């Protein structure tokens, strides 16, 4: 089992698509490992697989953007290499570019639309330091 699936089992939670980004199985290590692994896989992939992997990368990155300060503090305290850009705004720009390239921003078809949100909403949730 992968680390996300094992974490859901360990937390006795349902691994679903309509779960909050604060679900118990989305531990800092699980989220950051997923961001790191999927980012590395996407960077090494050739087209058309690169965009597919980048699209998968969006899910844990979305959680990381929403829990930015918590995850960044955890990474620093646990000597875990930070897998995103140093600034939330720069990481959001990467997220937004891939989200748009994958066609998810068009016609509210993307995962953000499930909660009635869009990229502007996500950007408004970023920490301002």
Protein backbone atom coordinates (compact mmCIF):
# COMPACT_ATOMS: atom_id res chain seq x y z
CA UNK A 1 0.00 0.00 0.00
CA UNK A 2 1.17 3.54 -0.71
CA UNK A 3 1.73 6.01 2.08
CA UNK A 4 -1.57 7.87 1.53
CA UNK A 5 -3.57 4.65 1.56
CA UNK A 6 -1.70 3.33 4.60
CA UNK A 7 -2.21 6.60 6.41
CA UNK A 8 -5.98 6.38 5.77
CA UNK A 9 -5.99 2.83 7.16
CA UNK A 10 -3.95 3.92 10.20
CA UNK A 11 -6.31 6.86 10.85
CA UNK A 12 -9.36 4.64 10.28
CA UNK A 13 -10.65 7.10 7.70
CA UNK A 14 -12.29 6.69 4.33
CA UNK A 15 -9.96 7.49 1.47
CA UNK A 16 -12.31 9.52 -0.70
CA UNK A 17 -12.46 12.46 -3.04
CA UNK A 18 -14.73 14.72 -1.01
CA UNK A 19 -12.69 14.94 2.17
CA UNK A 20 -11.44 18.10 3.84
CA UNK A 21 -7.75 19.01 3.50
CA UNK A 22 -7.52 18.63 7.26
CA UNK A 23 -8.45 14.92 7.28
CA UNK A 24 -6.45 12.97 9.84
CA UNK A 25 -4.79 10.78 7.22
CA UNK A 26 -3.35 13.82 5.45
CA UNK A 27 -0.42 14.08 7.83
CA UNK A 28 2.38 16.51 7.01
CA UNK A 29 4.74 13.68 6.07
CA UNK A 30 2.18 12.04 3.77
CA UNK A 31 1.25 15.30 2.03
CA UNK A 32 4.83 16.49 1.57
CA UNK A 33 6.02 13.05 0.45
CA UNK A 34 3.27 12.98 -2.18
CA UNK A 35 4.13 16.49 -3.40
CA UNK A 36 7.80 15.53 -3.61
CA UNK A 37 7.33 12.13 -5.28
CA UNK A 38 4.78 13.29 -7.84
CA UNK A 39 6.79 16.42 -8.59
CA UNK A 40 9.93 14.37 -9.23
CA UNK A 41 8.04 11.88 -11.38
CA UNK A 42 6.48 14.67 -13.45
CA UNK A 43 9.85 16.39 -13.93
CA UNK A 44 11.36 13.14 -15.23
CA UNK A 45 8.43 12.23 -17.50
CA UNK A 46 8.06 12.87 -21.19
CA UNK A 47 4.88 14.22 -22.76
CA UNK A 48 1.99 13.31 -22.58
CA UNK A 49 2.76 11.67 -19.24
CA UNK A 50 4.26 14.82 -17.74
CA UNK A 51 0.92 16.68 -17.71
CA UNK A 52 -0.84 13.61 -16.33
CA UNK A 53 1.62 13.39 -13.45
CA UNK A 54 1.50 17.14 -12.89
CA UNK A 55 -2.30 16.87 -12.70
CA UNK A 56 -1.92 14.21 -9.98
CA UNK A 57 0.56 16.53 -8.23
CA UNK A 58 -2.21 19.12 -7.87
CA UNK A 59 -4.07 17.14 -5.19
CA UNK A 60 -1.39 17.07 -2.47
CA UNK A 61 -0.19 20.52 -3.51
CA UNK A 62 -3.70 21.88 -2.95
CA UNK A 63 -3.55 20.55 0.61
CA UNK A 64 -0.08 22.01 1.05
CA UNK A 65 -1.21 25.42 -0.15
CA UNK A 66 -4.16 25.44 2.25
CA UNK A 67 -2.03 24.25 5.18
CA UNK A 68 1.12 26.14 4.16
CA UNK A 69 2.28 27.48 7.52
CA UNK A 70 1.58 24.23 9.37
CA UNK A 71 3.39 22.06 6.81
CA UNK A 72 6.31 24.43 6.42
CA UNK A 73 6.81 24.49 10.21
CA UNK A 74 6.57 20.69 10.37
CA UNK A 75 9.12 20.29 7.56
CA UNK A 76 11.57 22.61 9.29
CA UNK A 77 11.11 20.92 12.69
CA UNK A 78 11.57 17.46 11.17
CA UNK A 79 14.39 18.24 8.71
CA UNK A 80 12.12 17.27 5.83
CA UNK A 81 13.16 18.86 2.51
CA UNK A 82 10.54 21.40 1.46
CA UNK A 83 9.25 20.17 -1.95
CA UNK A 84 7.69 23.44 -3.10
CA UNK A 85 9.01 26.91 -3.81
CA UNK A 86 9.83 28.97 -0.74
CA UNK A 87 6.99 31.45 -1.22
CA UNK A 88 3.36 30.34 -1.22
CA UNK A 89 2.60 32.78 -4.06
CA UNK A 90 5.26 31.16 -6.27
CA UNK A 91 3.98 27.67 -5.52
CA UNK A 92 0.44 28.86 -6.25
CA UNK A 93 1.65 30.17 -9.63
CA UNK A 94 2.94 26.67 -10.44
CA UNK A 95 -0.34 25.13 -9.27
CA UNK A 96 -2.40 27.61 -11.28
CA UNK A 97 -0.35 27.06 -14.44
CA UNK A 98 -0.76 23.28 -14.31
CA UNK A 99 -4.44 23.52 -13.30
CA UNK A 100 -5.07 25.72 -16.33
CA UNK A 101 -2.90 23.67 -18.72
CA UNK A 102 -4.81 20.54 -17.73
CA UNK A 103 -8.07 22.27 -18.69
CA UNK A 104 -9.37 22.27 -15.13
CA UNK A 105 -9.97 26.02 -14.95
CA UNK A 106 -12.31 25.99 -17.95
CA UNK A 107 -16.03 25.77 -17.29
CA UNK A 108 -15.63 24.94 -13.61
CA UNK A 109 -14.60 21.37 -14.42
CA UNK A 110 -11.78 21.16 -11.93
CA UNK A 111 -11.53 19.85 -8.42
CA UNK A 112 -11.77 23.33 -6.94
CA UNK A 113 -15.27 23.70 -8.40
CA UNK A 114 -16.51 20.81 -6.22
CA UNK A 115 -16.52 23.19 -3.28
CA UNK A 116 -17.81 26.07 -5.39
CA UNK A 117 -14.34 27.58 -5.48
CA UNK A 118 -11.96 28.74 -8.17
CA UNK A 119 -8.30 29.72 -8.45
CA UNK A 120 -9.01 33.22 -7.12
CA UNK A 121 -10.50 31.69 -3.99
CA UNK A 122 -7.48 29.42 -3.49
CA UNK A 123 -5.13 32.34 -3.96
CA UNK A 124 -7.07 34.31 -1.33
CA UNK A 125 -6.42 31.47 1.16
CA UNK A 126 -2.62 31.73 0.91
CA UNK A 127 -0.69 33.15 3.83
CA UNK A 128 0.58 36.66 3.37
CA UNK A 129 3.95 37.13 4.98
